Amino acid sequence: MDGSILSNILSGGIVVAVIIFLILFFSFVPVGLWITAYFSGVKIRISTLIGMKLRRVSPRKIVIPMIKATKAGLDLKIENLEAHYLAGGNVNTLVDALIASERANIPLQFERGAAIDLAGRNVLEAVQVSVNPKVIETPNISAVAQDGIEVVVKAKVTVRANIERLVGGAGEETIIARVGEGIVTTVGSSMSYKNVLENPDSISRVVLEKGLDSGTAFEILSIDIADVDVARNIGARLQTDQAEADKRIAEAKASERRAMALAREQEMKAEVEAMRAKVVEAESQVPLAIAEAFKEGNLGVMDYYKMQNIESDTDMRKAIAKPKENKNLKKEN
């Protein structure tokens, strides 16, 4: 009885161990994926899938794109796809781009597509834009004509991806910046804003002639002016600002001259006061000089009386002249 129980336990343990082994085996070895690949025409060994697991590569992300490429008739190697995956590329997007380019008869080699993908560009979107051109709408671009009127222009640029220049070529921002520069230059060279309103196609024609797509990842097919609006009168505003600035400069210079005149007036007053002080000082010396003259005999009594008479006569004349001046002022009033 004990032997049978022991044998049952052993057999049950073997079964459990076998089940655990099978679970671990099928979880580590993607047998189902290998079967799918085999019946899809992709020849891949089980050891290759196990090697992917050991290299921490998801076999599904390699095998499924490989199946799509094989069904599409592309001749790709599983090693190249795995290497692209390890380099950080998107294998599925790359394969879709190669299939799309094959169907659209666009020459795109695996190496170039992988380089485009590793450069950070969406290679599938690039192929789609190459087949179906893309429209880039610029923001409102302000430009001023020679008559001083501001014109606001909005343009639509139709571009097609250039597969050959996707690696190292400039993006949409450069296209928008160059088109904006061309619009500003063209409007600025116009004599009047009316010329821009009458012939908006002249803007697109001149801009296209500049070859703005050189060095970019796109080829400009057309530039269409979507809207042209008249904005501010920049010339009049500049003239107004200039006049205001000239006015302030003139006021500053007038204030400076007024301050200089006031300073000069104060200096002249100070000089007059100094002269008056000297006169008073000189007058105070006259009696002393007369007394000294009397002592030395240089001045006689009669001479002194004559000088007094002259001063009295002068004061009398001044007194007589003052009323006449007042009468003349009243008559003039």
Protein backbone atom coordinates (compact mmCIF):
# COMPACT_ATOMS: atom_id res chain seq x y z
CA MET A 1 0.00 0.00 0.00
CA ASP A 2 2.79 2.39 0.93
CA GLY A 3 4.66 1.52 -2.27
CA SER A 4 1.73 2.40 -4.46
CA ILE A 5 1.26 5.74 -2.71
CA LEU A 6 4.93 6.54 -3.13
CA SER A 7 4.85 5.62 -6.80
CA ASN A 8 1.79 7.82 -7.31
CA ILE A 9 3.55 10.74 -5.64
CA LEU A 10 6.64 10.24 -7.77
CA SER A 11 4.64 10.00 -10.95
CA GLY A 12 2.67 13.11 -9.99
CA GLY A 13 5.90 15.01 -9.29
CA ILE A 14 7.31 13.97 -12.64
CA VAL A 15 4.18 15.21 -14.37
CA VAL A 16 4.37 18.56 -12.55
CA ALA A 17 8.06 18.90 -13.40
CA VAL A 18 7.33 18.13 -17.03
CA ILE A 19 4.55 20.71 -17.08
CA ILE A 20 6.79 23.35 -15.48
CA PHE A 21 9.55 22.53 -17.95
CA LEU A 22 7.18 22.84 -20.89
CA ILE A 23 5.85 26.15 -19.59
CA LEU A 24 9.36 27.54 -19.17
CA PHE A 25 10.40 26.16 -22.55
CA PHE A 26 7.49 27.66 -24.47
CA SER A 27 7.79 30.97 -22.58
CA PHE A 28 11.46 31.26 -23.47
CA VAL A 29 11.38 29.65 -26.90
CA PRO A 30 8.77 31.32 -29.20
CA VAL A 31 7.67 28.13 -30.92
CA GLY A 32 4.37 29.68 -32.00
CA LEU A 33 6.18 32.56 -33.65
CA TRP A 34 8.53 30.13 -35.37
CA ILE A 35 5.55 28.16 -36.73
CA THR A 36 3.94 31.40 -38.00
CA ALA A 37 7.16 32.40 -39.74
CA TYR A 38 7.64 28.95 -41.24
CA PHE A 39 4.20 28.86 -42.82
CA SER A 40 4.65 32.50 -44.00
CA GLY A 41 7.71 31.59 -46.02
CA VAL A 42 10.29 33.09 -43.64
CA LYS A 43 13.10 30.66 -43.00
CA ILE A 44 14.40 31.17 -39.48
CA ARG A 45 15.89 28.70 -37.04
CA ILE A 46 14.76 28.15 -33.45
CA SER A 47 18.31 28.84 -32.33
CA THR A 48 18.12 32.28 -33.93
CA LEU A 49 15.00 33.08 -31.93
CA ILE A 50 16.65 31.84 -28.74
CA GLY A 51 19.69 34.01 -29.54
CA MET A 52 17.39 37.03 -29.87
CA LYS A 53 16.00 36.26 -26.41
CA LEU A 54 19.50 36.07 -24.99
CA ARG A 55 20.41 39.38 -26.68
CA ARG A 56 17.28 40.95 -25.16
CA VAL A 57 15.68 41.45 -28.54
CA SER A 58 11.94 40.96 -28.89
CA PRO A 59 11.59 38.25 -31.58
CA ARG A 60 8.08 39.38 -32.45
CA LYS A 61 9.30 42.89 -33.36
CA ILE A 62 11.73 41.30 -35.82
CA VAL A 63 9.80 38.34 -37.20
CA ILE A 64 6.47 40.10 -37.88
CA PRO A 65 8.09 42.89 -39.99
CA MET A 66 10.15 40.19 -41.72
CA ILE A 67 6.95 38.34 -42.63
CA LYS A 68 5.46 41.56 -44.09
CA ALA A 69 8.60 42.24 -46.10
CA THR A 70 8.67 38.66 -47.45
CA LYS A 71 5.02 38.79 -48.46
CA ALA A 72 5.68 42.13 -50.19
CA GLY A 73 8.51 40.60 -52.18
CA LEU A 74 11.36 42.43 -50.45
CA ASP A 75 14.67 40.66 -50.03
CA LEU A 76 15.71 41.53 -46.46
CA LYS A 77 17.97 39.74 -44.03
CA ILE A 78 16.93 38.97 -40.48
CA GLU A 79 20.38 40.05 -39.24
CA ASN A 80 19.96 43.54 -40.71
CA LEU A 81 16.58 43.99 -39.03
CA GLU A 82 17.97 42.84 -35.69
CA ALA A 83 20.96 45.16 -36.02
CA HIS A 84 18.63 48.08 -36.77
CA TYR A 85 16.54 47.20 -33.72
CA LEU A 86 19.62 47.08 -31.47
CA ALA A 87 20.68 50.49 -32.84
CA GLY A 88 17.42 51.97 -31.57
CA GLY A 89 15.50 52.05 -34.83
CA ASN A 90 11.85 51.29 -35.49
CA VAL A 91 11.90 48.09 -37.54
CA ASN A 92 8.19 48.00 -38.24
CA THR A 93 8.08 51.60 -39.55
CA LEU A 94 11.17 50.99 -41.67
CA VAL A 95 9.69 47.89 -43.30
CA ASP A 96 6.39 49.72 -43.96
CA ALA A 97 8.34 52.54 -45.61
CA LEU A 98 10.30 50.11 -47.78
CA ILE A 99 7.06 48.43 -48.87
CA ALA A 100 5.40 51.79 -49.63
CA SER A 101 8.41 52.99 -51.65
CA GLU A 102 8.46 49.70 -53.58
CA ARG A 103 4.79 50.07 -54.47
CA ALA A 104 5.25 53.74 -55.44
CA ASN A 105 8.33 52.95 -57.53
CA ILE A 106 10.51 55.22 -55.37
CA PRO A 107 14.13 54.07 -55.07
CA LEU A 108 14.82 53.53 -51.36
CA GLN A 109 17.51 51.13 -50.22
CA PHE A 110 17.46 49.47 -46.81
CA GLU A 111 20.65 51.25 -45.69
CA ARG A 112 19.31 54.71 -46.59
CA GLY A 113 15.94 53.99 -44.99
CA ALA A 114 17.68 52.78 -41.82
CA ALA A 115 19.84 55.92 -41.78
CA ILE A 116 16.77 58.13 -42.17
CA ASP A 117 15.03 56.30 -39.32
CA LEU A 118 18.06 56.50 -37.02
CA ALA A 119 18.41 60.21 -37.82
CA GLY A 120 15.11 60.78 -36.01
CA ARG A 121 12.87 61.28 -39.03
CA ASN A 122 9.73 59.32 -39.72
CA VAL A 123 10.80 57.42 -42.81
CA LEU A 124 7.27 56.18 -43.54
CA GLU A 125 5.88 59.72 -43.40
CA ALA A 126 8.72 60.88 -45.66
CA VAL A 127 7.77 58.28 -48.26
CA GLN A 128 4.10 59.24 -47.98
CA VAL A 129 4.94 62.95 -48.42
CA SER A 130 7.08 62.02 -51.40
CA VAL A 131 4.06 60.30 -52.97
CA ASN A 132 1.41 62.73 -51.73
CA PRO A 133 2.85 66.30 -51.48
CA LYS A 134 2.26 68.17 -48.23
CA VAL A 135 0.94 71.72 -47.78
CA ILE A 136 2.73 73.89 -45.21
CA GLU A 137 0.85 77.01 -44.13
CA THR A 138 2.96 79.93 -43.02
CA PRO A 139 1.93 82.24 -40.18
CA ASN A 140 0.97 85.85 -40.84
CA ILE A 141 4.06 87.58 -42.23
CA SER A 142 4.30 91.37 -41.87
CA ALA A 143 6.19 93.36 -44.49
CA VAL A 144 6.39 97.07 -45.33
CA ALA A 145 6.31 98.50 -48.85
CA GLN A 146 8.39 101.51 -49.86
CA ASP A 147 5.44 103.88 -49.34
CA GLY A 148 5.42 102.95 -45.63
CA ILE A 149 2.24 100.83 -45.64
CA GLU A 150 2.41 97.51 -43.78
CA VAL A 151 1.09 94.43 -45.58
CA VAL A 152 0.25 91.13 -43.84
CA VAL A 153 0.69 88.08 -46.08
CA LYS A 154 -0.16 84.43 -45.48
CA ALA A 155 1.11 81.77 -47.90
CA LYS A 156 0.65 78.05 -48.49
CA VAL A 157 3.73 76.12 -49.57
CA THR A 158 3.31 72.77 -51.32
CA VAL A 159 6.34 70.56 -50.74
CA ARG A 160 7.42 67.04 -51.59
CA ALA A 161 9.89 65.05 -49.53
CA ASN A 162 13.31 64.59 -51.09
CA ILE A 163 14.48 61.12 -50.06
CA GLU A 164 18.07 61.86 -51.07
CA ARG A 165 18.29 64.86 -48.71
CA LEU A 166 16.36 63.53 -45.73
CA VAL A 167 19.59 62.81 -43.87
CA GLY A 168 21.17 66.16 -43.03
CA GLY A 169 18.50 68.25 -44.77
CA ALA A 170 16.69 71.10 -43.03
CA GLY A 171 13.07 70.68 -41.93
CA GLU A 172 9.79 72.55 -42.26
CA GLU A 173 10.90 75.41 -39.99
CA THR A 174 13.62 76.34 -42.47
CA ILE A 175 11.15 76.29 -45.36
CA ILE A 176 8.78 78.60 -43.47
CA ALA A 177 11.62 80.94 -42.47
CA ARG A 178 12.97 81.19 -46.03
CA VAL A 179 9.53 81.78 -47.53
CA GLY A 180 8.91 84.50 -44.92
CA GLU A 181 12.20 86.15 -45.79
CA GLY A 182 11.35 86.04 -49.50
CA ILE A 183 7.94 87.62 -48.87
CA VAL A 184 9.45 90.42 -46.77
CA THR A 185 12.08 91.12 -49.44
CA THR A 186 9.55 91.12 -52.29
CA VAL A 187 7.07 93.40 -50.52
CA GLY A 188 9.87 95.70 -49.38
CA SER A 189 11.05 96.17 -52.96
CA SER A 190 7.54 97.19 -54.13
CA MET A 191 7.03 100.91 -54.62
CA SER A 192 3.52 100.82 -53.18
CA TYR A 193 1.31 98.43 -51.26
CA LYS A 194 -1.18 98.72 -54.12
CA ASN A 195 1.22 96.85 -56.38
CA VAL A 196 1.24 93.97 -53.89
CA LEU A 197 -2.56 93.91 -53.72
CA GLU A 198 -2.90 94.03 -57.50
CA ASN A 199 -0.33 91.30 -58.23
CA PRO A 200 0.00 88.90 -55.27
CA ASP A 201 1.28 86.22 -57.65
CA SER A 202 4.42 88.31 -58.17
CA ILE A 203 5.39 87.44 -54.60
CA SER A 204 5.19 83.69 -55.17
CA ARG A 205 6.98 84.01 -58.51
CA VAL A 206 9.91 85.93 -57.06
CA VAL A 207 10.15 83.66 -54.03
CA LEU A 208 10.17 80.53 -56.16
CA GLU A 209 13.02 81.92 -58.27
CA LYS A 210 15.23 82.16 -55.17
CA GLY A 211 15.56 78.36 -54.86
CA LEU A 212 14.55 78.26 -51.22
CA ASP A 213 14.50 74.45 -51.03
CA SER A 214 18.26 74.06 -51.43
CA GLY A 215 19.78 72.19 -48.52
CA THR A 216 16.40 71.12 -47.17
CA ALA A 217 14.68 67.75 -47.00
CA PHE A 218 11.88 69.00 -49.25
CA GLU A 219 11.29 70.12 -52.80
CA ILE A 220 9.05 73.17 -53.15
CA LEU A 221 6.43 72.58 -55.81
CA SER A 222 4.44 75.81 -55.50
CA ILE A 223 3.90 78.83 -53.27
CA ASP A 224 0.35 80.17 -53.20
CA ILE A 225 -0.57 83.48 -51.54
CA ALA A 226 -3.61 82.65 -49.44
CA ASP A 227 -4.36 86.10 -48.01
CA VAL A 228 -3.08 89.70 -48.26
CA ASP A 229 -4.26 92.36 -45.80
CA VAL A 230 -3.36 96.02 -45.38
CA ALA A 231 -2.31 96.88 -41.84
CA ARG A 232 -0.76 100.00 -40.29
CA ASN A 233 0.78 103.05 -41.94
CA ILE A 234 4.29 102.51 -40.66
CA GLY A 235 5.72 105.47 -42.61
CA ALA A 236 3.30 107.97 -41.05
CA ARG A 237 3.90 106.50 -37.62
CA LEU A 238 7.66 106.80 -38.05
CA GLN A 239 7.31 110.41 -39.17
CA THR A 240 5.11 111.16 -36.16
CA ASP A 241 7.62 109.58 -33.82
CA GLN A 242 10.44 111.53 -35.51
CA ALA A 243 8.52 114.79 -35.15
CA GLU A 244 7.86 114.05 -31.49
CA ALA A 245 11.54 113.29 -30.95
CA ASP A 246 12.55 116.51 -32.73
CA LYS A 247 10.10 118.45 -30.55
CA ARG A 248 11.59 117.00 -27.38
CA ILE A 249 15.11 117.81 -28.60
CA ALA A 250 14.07 121.40 -29.38
CA GLU A 251 12.45 121.77 -25.94
CA ALA A 252 15.57 120.43 -24.30
CA LYS A 253 17.78 122.86 -26.22
CA ALA A 254 15.42 125.78 -25.38
CA SER A 255 15.55 124.84 -21.71
CA GLU A 256 19.32 124.71 -21.93
CA ARG A 257 19.47 128.18 -23.55
CA ARG A 258 17.03 129.57 -20.96
CA ALA A 259 19.15 128.20 -18.13
CA MET A 260 22.28 129.70 -19.68
CA ALA A 261 20.52 133.08 -20.05
CA LEU A 262 19.43 133.03 -16.41
CA ALA A 263 22.94 132.17 -15.34
CA ARG A 264 24.35 135.00 -17.47
CA GLU A 265 21.78 137.40 -16.00
CA GLN A 266 22.83 136.45 -12.49
CA GLU A 267 26.46 136.96 -13.43
CA MET A 268 25.70 140.41 -14.86
CA LYS A 269 23.76 141.36 -11.71
CA ALA A 270 26.69 140.27 -9.62
CA GLU A 271 29.03 142.36 -11.77
CA VAL A 272 26.74 145.44 -11.45
CA GLU A 273 26.59 145.03 -7.69
CA ALA A 274 30.36 144.77 -7.60
CA MET A 275 30.68 147.96 -9.67
CA ARG A 276 28.20 149.76 -7.39
CA ALA A 277 30.19 148.71 -4.38
CA LYS A 278 33.32 150.12 -5.97
CA VAL A 279 31.50 153.41 -6.77
CA VAL A 280 30.27 153.71 -3.19
CA GLU A 281 33.74 152.97 -1.96
CA ALA A 282 35.16 155.58 -4.33
CA GLU A 283 32.54 158.16 -3.26
CA SER A 284 33.44 157.54 0.36
CA GLN A 285 37.01 158.52 -0.48
CA VAL A 286 35.97 161.91 -1.99
CA PRO A 287 35.57 163.86 1.32
CA LEU A 288 38.89 162.52 2.51
CA ALA A 289 40.52 163.54 -0.75
CA ILE A 290 39.00 167.09 -0.48
CA ALA A 291 40.21 167.43 3.11
CA GLU A 292 43.65 166.29 2.08
CA ALA A 293 43.61 168.81 -0.76
CA PHE A 294 42.71 171.63 1.69
CA LYS A 295 45.58 170.64 3.94
CA GLU A 296 48.12 170.54 1.16
CA GLY A 297 46.84 173.73 -0.43
CA ASN A 298 45.84 172.11 -3.67
CA LEU A 299 42.20 173.22 -3.25
CA GLY A 300 41.08 176.70 -2.28
CA VAL A 301 37.90 177.79 -0.60
CA MET A 302 36.57 179.44 -3.75
CA ASP A 303 37.24 176.33 -5.75
CA TYR A 304 35.26 174.33 -3.19
CA TYR A 305 32.33 176.79 -3.36
CA LYS A 306 32.35 176.60 -7.16
CA MET A 307 32.20 172.78 -6.98
CA GLN A 308 29.30 173.03 -4.55
CA ASN A 309 27.49 175.42 -6.89
CA ILE A 310 28.01 173.05 -9.78
CA GLU A 311 26.55 170.13 -7.78
CA SER A 312 23.57 172.28 -6.70
CA ASP A 313 22.98 173.38 -10.24
CA THR A 314 23.15 169.75 -11.40
CA ASP A 315 20.64 168.65 -8.75
CA MET A 316 18.32 171.52 -9.73
CA ARG A 317 18.45 170.52 -13.38
CA LYS A 318 17.64 166.93 -12.47
CA ALA A 319 14.68 168.03 -10.40
CA ILE A 320 13.40 170.24 -13.24
CA ALA A 321 13.82 167.37 -15.79
CA LYS A 322 11.88 164.77 -13.84
CA PRO A 323 8.36 166.26 -14.17
CA LYS A 324 8.77 166.70 -17.92
CA GLU A 325 9.63 163.00 -18.27
CA ASN A 326 6.50 162.07 -16.32
CA LYS A 327 4.34 164.35 -18.52
CA ASN A 328 5.76 162.82 -21.67
CA LEU A 329 4.99 159.34 -20.36
CA LYS A 330 1.39 160.36 -19.63
CA LYS A 331 0.96 161.82 -23.14
CA GLU A 332 2.31 158.61 -24.70
CA ASN A 333 -0.13 156.55 -22.62
